[in-house]
């Protein structure tokens, strides 16, 4: 049986220097399987001249996953930033199974 769903991790990687020898960067994509996606909430703060929508969610894995604070994530067609530092968890009931939790945040403009 397959658990969870695939998500795409986007990680910033160094590219070749530009013509002025300044660093350049690209985003490398990797598909990670077995994620549980938990939508959390959306906020629409009132701000003069701007109405951003802030959407939060969480990714859970039942295994250790290579995730760092600067990663971006594409889940169900929406791109999220990592909000904070990914965390490892241990099963409180004594099972050797633990996992990884990644808090997500997306900011968009109201249409």
PDB file of N, CA and C in Angstrom:
ATOM      1  N   UNK A   1       0.840  -1.177   0.000  1.00  0.00           N
ATOM      2  CA  UNK A   1       0.000   0.000   0.000  1.00  0.00           C
ATOM      3  C   UNK A   1       0.890   1.247   0.000  1.00  0.00           C
ATOM      4  N   UNK A   2       0.520   2.220  -0.790  1.00  0.00           N
ATOM      5  CA  UNK A   2       1.262   3.474  -0.861  1.00  0.00           C
ATOM      6  C   UNK A   2       0.605   4.505   0.046  1.00  0.00           C
ATOM      7  N   UNK A   3       1.414   5.141   0.874  1.00  0.00           N
ATOM      8  CA  UNK A   3       0.921   6.155   1.801  1.00  0.00           C
ATOM      9  C   UNK A   3       1.247   7.542   1.276  1.00  0.00           C
ATOM     10  N   UNK A   4       0.410   8.502   1.562  1.00  0.00           N
ATOM     11  CA  UNK A   4       0.712   9.902   1.269  1.00  0.00           C
ATOM     12  C   UNK A   4       0.629  10.251  -0.199  1.00  0.00           C
ATOM     13  N   UNK A   5       1.231  11.370  -0.510  1.00  0.00           N
ATOM     14  CA  UNK A   5       1.220  11.875  -1.878  1.00  0.00           C
ATOM     15  C   UNK A   5       2.581  12.471  -2.218  1.00  0.00           C
ATOM     16  N   UNK A   6       2.892  12.577  -3.512  1.00  0.00           N
ATOM     17  CA  UNK A   6       4.170  13.181  -3.893  1.00  0.00           C
ATOM     18  C   UNK A   6       4.108  14.702  -3.790  1.00  0.00           C
ATOM     19  N   UNK A   7       5.224  15.302  -3.381  1.00  0.00           N
ATOM     20  CA  UNK A   7       5.378  16.756  -3.377  1.00  0.00           C
ATOM     21  C   UNK A   7       6.726  17.070  -4.025  1.00  0.00           C
ATOM     22  N   UNK A   8       6.865  18.268  -4.544  1.00  0.00           N
ATOM     23  CA  UNK A   8       8.106  18.666  -5.199  1.00  0.00           C
ATOM     24  C   UNK A   8       8.864  19.619  -4.277  1.00  0.00           C
ATOM     25  N   UNK A   9      10.117  19.257  -3.972  1.00  0.00           N
ATOM     26  CA  UNK A   9      10.995  20.133  -3.198  1.00  0.00           C
ATOM     27  C   UNK A   9      11.829  20.935  -4.194  1.00  0.00           C
ATOM     28  N   UNK A  10      11.869  22.258  -4.010  1.00  0.00           N
ATOM     29  CA  UNK A  10      12.701  23.135  -4.832  1.00  0.00           C
ATOM     30  C   UNK A  10      13.806  23.669  -3.936  1.00  0.00           C
ATOM     31  N   UNK A  11      15.043  23.379  -4.295  1.00  0.00           N
ATOM     32  CA  UNK A  11      16.186  23.795  -3.485  1.00  0.00           C
ATOM     33  C   UNK A  11      17.092  24.695  -4.325  1.00  0.00           C
ATOM     34  N   UNK A  12      17.446  25.825  -3.747  1.00  0.00           N
ATOM     35  CA  UNK A  12      18.316  26.778  -4.431  1.00  0.00           C
ATOM     36  C   UNK A  12      19.725  26.207  -4.502  1.00  0.00           C
ATOM     37  N   UNK A  13      20.281  26.194  -5.723  1.00  0.00           N
ATOM     38  CA  UNK A  13      21.633  25.690  -5.927  1.00  0.00           C
ATOM     39  C   UNK A  13      22.449  26.734  -6.682  1.00  0.00           C
ATOM     40  N   UNK A  14      23.741  26.732  -6.433  1.00  0.00           N
ATOM     41  CA  UNK A  14      24.639  27.696  -7.099  1.00  0.00           C
ATOM     42  C   UNK A  14      24.802  27.330  -8.560  1.00  0.00           C
ATOM     43  N   UNK A  15      24.757  28.352  -9.412  1.00  0.00           N
ATOM     44  CA  UNK A  15      25.009  28.178 -10.832  1.00  0.00           C
ATOM     45  C   UNK A  15      26.356  28.781 -11.187  1.00  0.00           C
ATOM     46  N   UNK A  16      26.613  28.891 -12.465  1.00  0.00           N
ATOM     47  CA  UNK A  16      27.863  29.494 -12.928  1.00  0.00           C
ATOM     48  C   UNK A  16      27.829  30.997 -12.652  1.00  0.00           C
ATOM     49  N   UNK A  17      28.975  31.611 -12.370  1.00  0.00           N
ATOM     50  CA  UNK A  17      28.992  33.064 -12.160  1.00  0.00           C
ATOM     51  C   UNK A  17      28.569  33.806 -13.428  1.00  0.00           C
ATOM     52  N   UNK A  18      27.971  34.998 -13.243  1.00  0.00           N
ATOM     53  CA  UNK A  18      27.594  35.798 -14.407  1.00  0.00           C
ATOM     54  C   UNK A  18      28.838  36.468 -14.999  1.00  0.00           C
ATOM     55  N   UNK A  19      28.657  37.291 -16.018  1.00  0.00           N
ATOM     56  CA  UNK A  19      29.816  37.877 -16.706  1.00  0.00           C
ATOM     57  C   UNK A  19      30.608  38.842 -15.838  1.00  0.00           C
ATOM     58  N   UNK A  20      30.045  39.259 -14.700  1.00  0.00           N
ATOM     59  CA  UNK A  20      30.767  40.126 -13.766  1.00  0.00           C
ATOM     60  C   UNK A  20      31.315  39.330 -12.577  1.00  0.00           C
ATOM     61  N   UNK A  21      31.267  38.015 -12.694  1.00  0.00           N
ATOM     62  CA  UNK A  21      31.754  37.081 -11.682  1.00  0.00           C
ATOM     63  C   UNK A  21      30.904  37.097 -10.395  1.00  0.00           C
ATOM     64  N   UNK A  22      29.650  37.512 -10.519  1.00  0.00           N
ATOM     65  CA  UNK A  22      28.716  37.451  -9.394  1.00  0.00           C
ATOM     66  C   UNK A  22      28.049  36.076  -9.379  1.00  0.00           C
ATOM     67  N   UNK A  23      27.734  35.555  -8.201  1.00  0.00           N
ATOM     68  CA  UNK A  23      27.086  34.239  -8.159  1.00  0.00           C
ATOM     69  C   UNK A  23      25.673  34.294  -8.738  1.00  0.00           C
ATOM     70  N   UNK A  24      25.273  33.210  -9.361  1.00  0.00           N
ATOM     71  CA  UNK A  24      23.900  33.052  -9.846  1.00  0.00           C
ATOM     72  C   UNK A  24      23.331  31.787  -9.222  1.00  0.00           C
ATOM     73  N   UNK A  25      22.004  31.679  -9.223  1.00  0.00           N
ATOM     74  CA  UNK A  25      21.356  30.547  -8.579  1.00  0.00           C
ATOM     75  C   UNK A  25      20.229  30.019  -9.442  1.00  0.00           C
ATOM     76  N   UNK A  26      19.951  28.750  -9.300  1.00  0.00           N
ATOM     77  CA  UNK A  26      18.819  28.111  -9.950  1.00  0.00           C
ATOM     78  C   UNK A  26      18.077  27.292  -8.888  1.00  0.00           C
ATOM     79  N   UNK A  27      16.923  26.764  -9.264  1.00  0.00           N
ATOM     80  CA  UNK A  27      16.142  25.922  -8.347  1.00  0.00           C
ATOM     81  C   UNK A  27      16.150  24.503  -8.884  1.00  0.00           C
ATOM     82  N   UNK A  28      16.689  23.572  -8.099  1.00  0.00           N
ATOM     83  CA  UNK A  28      16.701  22.155  -8.462  1.00  0.00           C
ATOM     84  C   UNK A  28      15.449  21.499  -7.887  1.00  0.00           C
ATOM     85  N   UNK A  29      14.738  20.739  -8.721  1.00  0.00           N
ATOM     86  CA  UNK A  29      13.496  20.091  -8.289  1.00  0.00           C
ATOM     87  C   UNK A  29      13.723  18.614  -7.989  1.00  0.00           C
ATOM     88  N   UNK A  30      13.142  18.150  -6.878  1.00  0.00           N
ATOM     89  CA  UNK A  30      13.154  16.735  -6.515  1.00  0.00           C
ATOM     90  C   UNK A  30      11.757  16.367  -6.046  1.00  0.00           C
ATOM     91  N   UNK A  31      11.259  15.228  -6.499  1.00  0.00           N
ATOM     92  CA  UNK A  31       9.949  14.765  -6.042  1.00  0.00           C
ATOM     93  C   UNK A  31      10.148  13.838  -4.851  1.00  0.00           C
ATOM     94  N   UNK A  32       9.467  14.152  -3.752  1.00  0.00           N
ATOM     95  CA  UNK A  32       9.505  13.329  -2.547  1.00  0.00           C
ATOM     96  C   UNK A  32       8.133  12.693  -2.369  1.00  0.00           C
ATOM     97  N   UNK A  33       8.110  11.409  -2.077  1.00  0.00           N
ATOM     98  CA  UNK A  33       6.840  10.693  -1.950  1.00  0.00           C
ATOM     99  C   UNK A  33       6.495  10.461  -0.485  1.00  0.00           C
ATOM    100  N   UNK A  34       5.277  10.037  -0.255  1.00  0.00           N
ATOM    101  CA  UNK A  34       4.844   9.646   1.079  1.00  0.00           C
ATOM    102  C   UNK A  34       4.501  10.781   2.015  1.00  0.00           C
ATOM    103  N   UNK A  35       4.243  11.961   1.483  1.00  0.00           N
ATOM    104  CA  UNK A  35       3.924  13.115   2.334  1.00  0.00           C
ATOM    105  C   UNK A  35       2.440  13.134   2.674  1.00  0.00           C
ATOM    106  N   UNK A  36       2.150  13.593   3.874  1.00  0.00           N
ATOM    107  CA  UNK A  36       0.775  13.896   4.264  1.00  0.00           C
ATOM    108  C   UNK A  36       0.674  15.417   4.297  1.00  0.00           C
ATOM    109  N   UNK A  37      -0.264  15.973   3.546  1.00  0.00           N
ATOM    110  CA  UNK A  37      -0.446  17.419   3.447  1.00  0.00           C
ATOM    111  C   UNK A  37      -1.654  17.815   4.277  1.00  0.00           C
ATOM    112  N   UNK A  38      -1.433  18.740   5.222  1.00  0.00           N
ATOM    113  CA  UNK A  38      -2.516  19.209   6.089  1.00  0.00           C
ATOM    114  C   UNK A  38      -2.701  20.711   5.904  1.00  0.00           C
ATOM    115  N   UNK A  39      -3.705  21.135   5.129  1.00  0.00           N
ATOM    116  CA  UNK A  39      -3.984  22.558   5.021  1.00  0.00           C
ATOM    117  C   UNK A  39      -4.354  23.108   6.388  1.00  0.00           C
ATOM    118  N   UNK A  40      -3.940  24.322   6.678  1.00  0.00           N
ATOM    119  CA  UNK A  40      -4.214  24.887   7.996  1.00  0.00           C
ATOM    120  C   UNK A  40      -5.201  26.036   7.910  1.00  0.00           C
ATOM    121  N   UNK A  41      -4.751  27.186   7.440  1.00  0.00           N
ATOM    122  CA  UNK A  41      -5.631  28.348   7.418  1.00  0.00           C
ATOM    123  C   UNK A  41      -5.134  29.371   6.413  1.00  0.00           C
ATOM    124  N   UNK A  42      -6.015  30.303   6.079  1.00  0.00           N
ATOM    125  CA  UNK A  42      -5.668  31.449   5.248  1.00  0.00           C
ATOM    126  C   UNK A  42      -6.091  32.707   5.986  1.00  0.00           C
ATOM    127  N   UNK A  43      -5.221  33.700   5.973  1.00  0.00           N
ATOM    128  CA  UNK A  43      -5.514  34.993   6.591  1.00  0.00           C
ATOM    129  C   UNK A  43      -5.516  36.064   5.521  1.00  0.00           C
ATOM    130  N   UNK A  44      -6.384  37.012   5.666  1.00  0.00           N
ATOM    131  CA  UNK A  44      -6.448  38.145   4.762  1.00  0.00           C
ATOM    132  C   UNK A  44      -6.342  39.424   5.577  1.00  0.00           C
ATOM    133  N   UNK A  45      -5.112  39.791   5.991  1.00  0.00           N
ATOM    134  CA  UNK A  45      -4.952  41.010   6.789  1.00  0.00           C
ATOM    135  C   UNK A  45      -5.344  42.251   5.997  1.00  0.00           C
ATOM    136  N   UNK A  46      -5.882  43.223   6.687  1.00  0.00           N
ATOM    137  CA  UNK A  46      -6.280  44.477   6.043  1.00  0.00           C
ATOM    138  C   UNK A  46      -5.082  45.415   6.056  1.00  0.00           C
ATOM    139  N   UNK A  47      -4.714  45.895   4.878  1.00  0.00           N
ATOM    140  CA  UNK A  47      -3.585  46.814   4.746  1.00  0.00           C
ATOM    141  C   UNK A  47      -3.951  47.811   3.644  1.00  0.00           C
ATOM    142  N   UNK A  48      -3.736  49.079   3.881  1.00  0.00           N
ATOM    143  CA  UNK A  48      -4.102  50.100   2.917  1.00  0.00           C
ATOM    144  C   UNK A  48      -3.373  49.858   1.602  1.00  0.00           C
ATOM    145  N   UNK A  49      -4.139  49.745   0.519  1.00  0.00           N
ATOM    146  CA  UNK A  49      -3.567  49.586  -0.807  1.00  0.00           C
ATOM    147  C   UNK A  49      -3.110  48.178  -1.146  1.00  0.00           C
ATOM    148  N   UNK A  50      -3.259  47.248  -0.232  1.00  0.00           N
ATOM    149  CA  UNK A  50      -2.783  45.891  -0.499  1.00  0.00           C
ATOM    150  C   UNK A  50      -3.599  44.897   0.321  1.00  0.00           C
ATOM    151  N   UNK A  51      -3.923  43.802  -0.298  1.00  0.00           N
ATOM    152  CA  UNK A  51      -4.660  42.774   0.402  1.00  0.00           C
ATOM    153  C   UNK A  51      -3.982  41.418   0.182  1.00  0.00           C
ATOM    154  N   UNK A  52      -2.933  41.107   0.947  1.00  0.00           N
ATOM    155  CA  UNK A  52      -2.283  39.810   0.764  1.00  0.00           C
ATOM    156  C   UNK A  52      -3.093  38.684   1.407  1.00  0.00           C
ATOM    157  N   UNK A  53      -3.002  37.522   0.823  1.00  0.00           N
ATOM    158  CA  UNK A  53      -3.597  36.328   1.404  1.00  0.00           C
ATOM    159  C   UNK A  53      -2.444  35.443   1.859  1.00  0.00           C
ATOM    160  N   UNK A  54      -2.413  35.110   3.137  1.00  0.00           N
ATOM    161  CA  UNK A  54      -1.356  34.272   3.697  1.00  0.00           C
ATOM    162  C   UNK A  54      -1.964  32.911   4.007  1.00  0.00           C
ATOM    163  N   UNK A  55      -1.450  31.884   3.334  1.00  0.00           N
ATOM    164  CA  UNK A  55      -1.959  30.526   3.500  1.00  0.00           C
ATOM    165  C   UNK A  55      -0.904  29.678   4.195  1.00  0.00           C
ATOM    166  N   UNK A  56      -1.315  28.943   5.210  1.00  0.00           N
ATOM    167  CA  UNK A  56      -0.400  28.084   5.955  1.00  0.00           C
ATOM    168  C   UNK A  56      -0.833  26.630   5.817  1.00  0.00           C
ATOM    169  N   UNK A  57       0.154  25.727   5.892  1.00  0.00           N
ATOM    170  CA  UNK A  57      -0.113  24.290   5.814  1.00  0.00           C
ATOM    171  C   UNK A  57       1.071  23.561   6.449  1.00  0.00           C
ATOM    172  N   UNK A  58       0.954  22.256   6.569  1.00  0.00           N
ATOM    173  CA  UNK A  58       2.027  21.443   7.133  1.00  0.00           C
ATOM    174  C   UNK A  58       2.194  20.184   6.303  1.00  0.00           C
ATOM    175  N   UNK A  59       3.451  19.789   6.091  1.00  0.00           N
ATOM    176  CA  UNK A  59       3.777  18.506   5.483  1.00  0.00           C
ATOM    177  C   UNK A  59       4.299  17.579   6.573  1.00  0.00           C
ATOM    178  N   UNK A  60       3.870  16.316   6.526  1.00  0.00           N
ATOM    179  CA  UNK A  60       4.333  15.305   7.482  1.00  0.00           C
ATOM    180  C   UNK A  60       4.866  14.104   6.703  1.00  0.00           C
ATOM    181  N   UNK A  61       5.955  13.545   7.183  1.00  0.00           N
ATOM    182  CA  UNK A  61       6.463  12.271   6.672  1.00  0.00           C
ATOM    183  C   UNK A  61       6.668  11.323   7.839  1.00  0.00           C
ATOM    184  N   UNK A  62       6.535  10.032   7.591  1.00  0.00           N
ATOM    185  CA  UNK A  62       6.777   9.019   8.615  1.00  0.00           C
ATOM    186  C   UNK A  62       8.231   8.558   8.607  1.00  0.00           C
ATOM    187  N   UNK A  63       9.094   9.277   7.900  1.00  0.00           N
ATOM    188  CA  UNK A  63      10.518   8.963   7.826  1.00  0.00           C
ATOM    189  C   UNK A  63      11.301  10.265   7.903  1.00  0.00           C
ATOM    190  N   UNK A  64      12.608  10.156   8.019  1.00  0.00           N
ATOM    191  CA  UNK A  64      13.461  11.340   7.947  1.00  0.00           C
ATOM    192  C   UNK A  64      13.505  11.809   6.493  1.00  0.00           C
ATOM    193  N   UNK A  65      13.402  13.107   6.283  1.00  0.00           N
ATOM    194  CA  UNK A  65      13.405  13.687   4.948  1.00  0.00           C
ATOM    195  C   UNK A  65      14.434  14.815   4.912  1.00  0.00           C
ATOM    196  N   UNK A  66      15.141  14.934   3.802  1.00  0.00           N
ATOM    197  CA  UNK A  66      16.113  16.012   3.614  1.00  0.00           C
ATOM    198  C   UNK A  66      15.343  17.301   3.311  1.00  0.00           C
ATOM    199  N   UNK A  67      15.140  18.108   4.340  1.00  0.00           N
ATOM    200  CA  UNK A  67      14.415  19.373   4.215  1.00  0.00           C
ATOM    201  C   UNK A  67      15.166  20.424   5.023  1.00  0.00           C
ATOM    202  N   UNK A  68      15.353  21.610   4.427  1.00  0.00           N
ATOM    203  CA  UNK A  68      16.034  22.705   5.121  1.00  0.00           C
ATOM    204  C   UNK A  68      15.187  23.967   5.018  1.00  0.00           C
ATOM    205  N   UNK A  69      15.534  24.954   5.840  1.00  0.00           N
ATOM    206  CA  UNK A  69      14.729  26.169   5.950  1.00  0.00           C
ATOM    207  C   UNK A  69      14.564  26.916   4.626  1.00  0.00           C
ATOM    208  N   UNK A  70      15.529  26.888   3.737  1.00  0.00           N
ATOM    209  CA  UNK A  70      15.433  27.643   2.487  1.00  0.00           C
ATOM    210  C   UNK A  70      14.691  26.943   1.369  1.00  0.00           C
ATOM    211  N   UNK A  71      14.207  25.732   1.592  1.00  0.00           N
ATOM    212  CA  UNK A  71      13.502  24.990   0.542  1.00  0.00           C
ATOM    213  C   UNK A  71      12.142  25.606   0.243  1.00  0.00           C
ATOM    214  N   UNK A  72      11.709  25.430  -0.990  1.00  0.00           N
ATOM    215  CA  UNK A  72      10.336  25.735  -1.397  1.00  0.00           C
ATOM    216  C   UNK A  72       9.670  24.414  -1.729  1.00  0.00           C
ATOM    217  N   UNK A  73       8.350  24.409  -1.722  1.00  0.00           N
ATOM    218  CA  UNK A  73       7.598  23.179  -1.948  1.00  0.00           C
ATOM    219  C   UNK A  73       6.447  23.441  -2.900  1.00  0.00           C
ATOM    220  N   UNK A  74       6.221  22.514  -3.841  1.00  0.00           N
ATOM    221  CA  UNK A  74       5.051  22.584  -4.720  1.00  0.00           C
ATOM    222  C   UNK A  74       4.130  21.430  -4.334  1.00  0.00           C
ATOM    223  N   UNK A  75       2.951  21.805  -3.834  1.00  0.00           N
ATOM    224  CA  UNK A  75       1.974  20.820  -3.362  1.00  0.00           C
ATOM    225  C   UNK A  75       0.647  21.113  -4.043  1.00  0.00           C
ATOM    226  N   UNK A  76       0.129  20.139  -4.769  1.00  0.00           N
ATOM    227  CA  UNK A  76      -1.167  20.285  -5.449  1.00  0.00           C
ATOM    228  C   UNK A  76      -1.210  21.542  -6.320  1.00  0.00           C
ATOM    229  N   UNK A  77      -0.072  21.859  -6.945  1.00  0.00           N
ATOM    230  CA  UNK A  77       0.002  22.982  -7.866  1.00  0.00           C
ATOM    231  C   UNK A  77       0.271  24.335  -7.239  1.00  0.00           C
ATOM    232  N   UNK A  78       0.387  24.403  -5.920  1.00  0.00           N
ATOM    233  CA  UNK A  78       0.643  25.662  -5.210  1.00  0.00           C
ATOM    234  C   UNK A  78       2.069  25.633  -4.666  1.00  0.00           C
ATOM    235  N   UNK A  79       2.790  26.747  -4.818  1.00  0.00           N
ATOM    236  CA  UNK A  79       4.151  26.832  -4.307  1.00  0.00           C
ATOM    237  C   UNK A  79       4.180  27.508  -2.941  1.00  0.00           C
ATOM    238  N   UNK A  80       4.870  26.870  -2.004  1.00  0.00           N
ATOM    239  CA  UNK A  80       4.978  27.347  -0.625  1.00  0.00           C
ATOM    240  C   UNK A  80       6.441  27.538  -0.262  1.00  0.00           C
ATOM    241  N   UNK A  81       6.709  28.452   0.670  1.00  0.00           N
ATOM    242  CA  UNK A  81       8.017  28.581   1.299  1.00  0.00           C
ATOM    243  C   UNK A  81       8.011  27.760   2.576  1.00  0.00           C
ATOM    244  N   UNK A  82       9.198  27.293   2.987  1.00  0.00           N
ATOM    245  CA  UNK A  82       9.319  26.672   4.304  1.00  0.00           C
ATOM    246  C   UNK A  82       9.213  27.782   5.335  1.00  0.00           C
ATOM    247  N   UNK A  83       8.356  27.604   6.320  1.00  0.00           N
ATOM    248  CA  UNK A  83       8.147  28.601   7.370  1.00  0.00           C
ATOM    249  C   UNK A  83       8.854  28.105   8.630  1.00  0.00           C
ATOM    250  N   UNK A  84      10.045  28.636   8.895  1.00  0.00           N
ATOM    251  CA  UNK A  84      10.831  28.174  10.031  1.00  0.00           C
ATOM    252  C   UNK A  84      11.774  27.054   9.629  1.00  0.00           C
ATOM    253  N   UNK A  85      12.129  26.225  10.592  1.00  0.00           N
ATOM    254  CA  UNK A  85      13.061  25.125  10.371  1.00  0.00           C
ATOM    255  C   UNK A  85      12.306  23.802  10.411  1.00  0.00           C
ATOM    256  N   UNK A  86      12.508  22.930   9.414  1.00  0.00           N
ATOM    257  CA  UNK A  86      11.882  21.606   9.476  1.00  0.00           C
ATOM    258  C   UNK A  86      12.290  20.883  10.767  1.00  0.00           C
ATOM    259  N   UNK A  87      11.373  20.079  11.296  1.00  0.00           N
ATOM    260  CA  UNK A  87      11.596  19.414  12.576  1.00  0.00           C
ATOM    261  C   UNK A  87      11.456  17.900  12.445  1.00  0.00           C
ATOM    262  N   UNK A  88      12.226  17.183  13.254  1.00  0.00           N
ATOM    263  CA  UNK A  88      12.090  15.731  13.364  1.00  0.00           C
ATOM    264  C   UNK A  88      11.215  15.425  14.569  1.00  0.00           C
ATOM    265  N   UNK A  89      10.455  14.362  14.490  1.00  0.00           N
ATOM    266  CA  UNK A  89       9.632  13.959  15.630  1.00  0.00           C
ATOM    267  C   UNK A  89       9.851  12.484  15.903  1.00  0.00           C
ATOM    268  N   UNK A  90       9.585  12.099  17.125  1.00  0.00           N
ATOM    269  CA  UNK A  90       9.734  10.725  17.573  1.00  0.00           C
ATOM    270  C   UNK A  90       8.379  10.235  18.044  1.00  0.00           C
ATOM    271  N   UNK A  91       8.040   9.011  17.695  1.00  0.00           N
ATOM    272  CA  UNK A  91       6.763   8.436  18.106  1.00  0.00           C
ATOM    273  C   UNK A  91       6.693   8.363  19.627  1.00  0.00           C
ATOM    274  N   UNK A  92       5.717   9.011  20.260  1.00  0.00           N
ATOM    275  CA  UNK A  92       5.636   9.008  21.721  1.00  0.00           C
ATOM    276  C   UNK A  92       5.197   7.668  22.306  1.00  0.00           C
ATOM    277  N   UNK A  93       4.792   6.729  21.459  1.00  0.00           N
ATOM    278  CA  UNK A  93       4.299   5.449  21.946  1.00  0.00           C
ATOM    279  C   UNK A  93       5.345   4.341  21.835  1.00  0.00           C
ATOM    280  N   UNK A  94       6.613   4.712  21.580  1.00  0.00           N
ATOM    281  CA  UNK A  94       7.699   3.754  21.610  1.00  0.00           C
ATOM    282  C   UNK A  94       8.020   3.051  20.307  1.00  0.00           C
ATOM    283  N   UNK A  95       7.278   3.311  19.251  1.00  0.00           N
ATOM    284  CA  UNK A  95       7.585   2.708  17.962  1.00  0.00           C
ATOM    285  C   UNK A  95       8.882   3.320  17.424  1.00  0.00           C
ATOM    286  N   UNK A  96       9.664   2.540  16.683  1.00  0.00           N
ATOM    287  CA  UNK A  96      10.883   3.110  16.112  1.00  0.00           C
ATOM    288  C   UNK A  96      10.594   4.090  14.968  1.00  0.00           C
ATOM    289  N   UNK A  97       9.331   4.194  14.582  1.00  0.00           N
ATOM    290  CA  UNK A  97       8.969   5.100  13.493  1.00  0.00           C
ATOM    291  C   UNK A  97       8.910   6.534  14.015  1.00  0.00           C
ATOM    292  N   UNK A  98       9.610   7.428  13.373  1.00  0.00           N
ATOM    293  CA  UNK A  98       9.541   8.854  13.654  1.00  0.00           C
ATOM    294  C   UNK A  98       9.246   9.537  12.337  1.00  0.00           C
ATOM    295  N   UNK A  99       9.581  10.792  12.222  1.00  0.00           N
ATOM    296  CA  UNK A  99       9.326  11.444  10.957  1.00  0.00           C
ATOM    297  C   UNK A  99       9.800  12.876  10.914  1.00  0.00           C
ATOM    298  N   UNK A 100       9.332  13.580   9.889  1.00  0.00           N
ATOM    299  CA  UNK A 100       9.717  14.963   9.640  1.00  0.00           C
ATOM    300  C   UNK A 100       8.459  15.797   9.458  1.00  0.00           C
ATOM    301  N   UNK A 101       8.490  17.007   9.994  1.00  0.00           N
ATOM    302  CA  UNK A 101       7.403  17.970   9.848  1.00  0.00           C
ATOM    303  C   UNK A 101       7.959  19.245   9.234  1.00  0.00           C
ATOM    304  N   UNK A 102       7.271  19.765   8.213  1.00  0.00           N
ATOM    305  CA  UNK A 102       7.674  21.018   7.567  1.00  0.00           C
ATOM    306  C   UNK A 102       6.470  21.951   7.558  1.00  0.00           C
ATOM    307  N   UNK A 103       6.626  23.115   8.202  1.00  0.00           N
ATOM    308  CA  UNK A 103       5.573  24.134   8.184  1.00  0.00           C
ATOM    309  C   UNK A 103       5.714  24.930   6.878  1.00  0.00           C
ATOM    310  N   UNK A 104       4.590  25.224   6.234  1.00  0.00           N
ATOM    311  CA  UNK A 104       4.585  25.925   4.944  1.00  0.00           C
ATOM    312  C   UNK A 104       3.830  27.240   5.036  1.00  0.00           C
ATOM    313  N   UNK A 105       4.223  28.180   4.158  1.00  0.00           N
ATOM    314  CA  UNK A 105       3.518  29.453   4.073  1.00  0.00           C
ATOM    315  C   UNK A 105       3.573  29.949   2.636  1.00  0.00           C
ATOM    316  N   UNK A 106       2.448  30.405   2.129  1.00  0.00           N
ATOM    317  CA  UNK A 106       2.363  31.019   0.796  1.00  0.00           C
ATOM    318  C   UNK A 106       1.710  32.375   0.943  1.00  0.00           C
ATOM    319  N   UNK A 107       2.258  33.374   0.251  1.00  0.00           N
ATOM    320  CA  UNK A 107       1.699  34.728   0.282  1.00  0.00           C
ATOM    321  C   UNK A 107       1.313  35.083  -1.151  1.00  0.00           C
ATOM    322  N   UNK A 108       0.063  35.477  -1.333  1.00  0.00           N
ATOM    323  CA  UNK A 108      -0.411  35.874  -2.662  1.00  0.00           C
ATOM    324  C   UNK A 108      -1.281  37.113  -2.533  1.00  0.00           C
ATOM    325  N   UNK A 109      -1.528  37.748  -3.642  1.00  0.00           N
ATOM    326  CA  UNK A 109      -2.371  38.942  -3.664  1.00  0.00           C
ATOM    327  C   UNK A 109      -3.814  38.560  -3.985  1.00  0.00           C
ATOM    328  N   UNK A 110      -4.750  39.198  -3.327  1.00  0.00           N
ATOM    329  CA  UNK A 110      -6.160  38.965  -3.624  1.00  0.00           C
ATOM    330  C   UNK A 110      -6.464  39.502  -5.010  1.00  0.00           C
ATOM    331  N   UNK A 111      -7.294  38.787  -5.727  1.00  0.00           N
ATOM    332  CA  UNK A 111      -7.583  39.144  -7.109  1.00  0.00           C
ATOM    333  C   UNK A 111      -8.705  40.075  -7.297  1.00  0.00           C
TER     334      UNK A 111
END
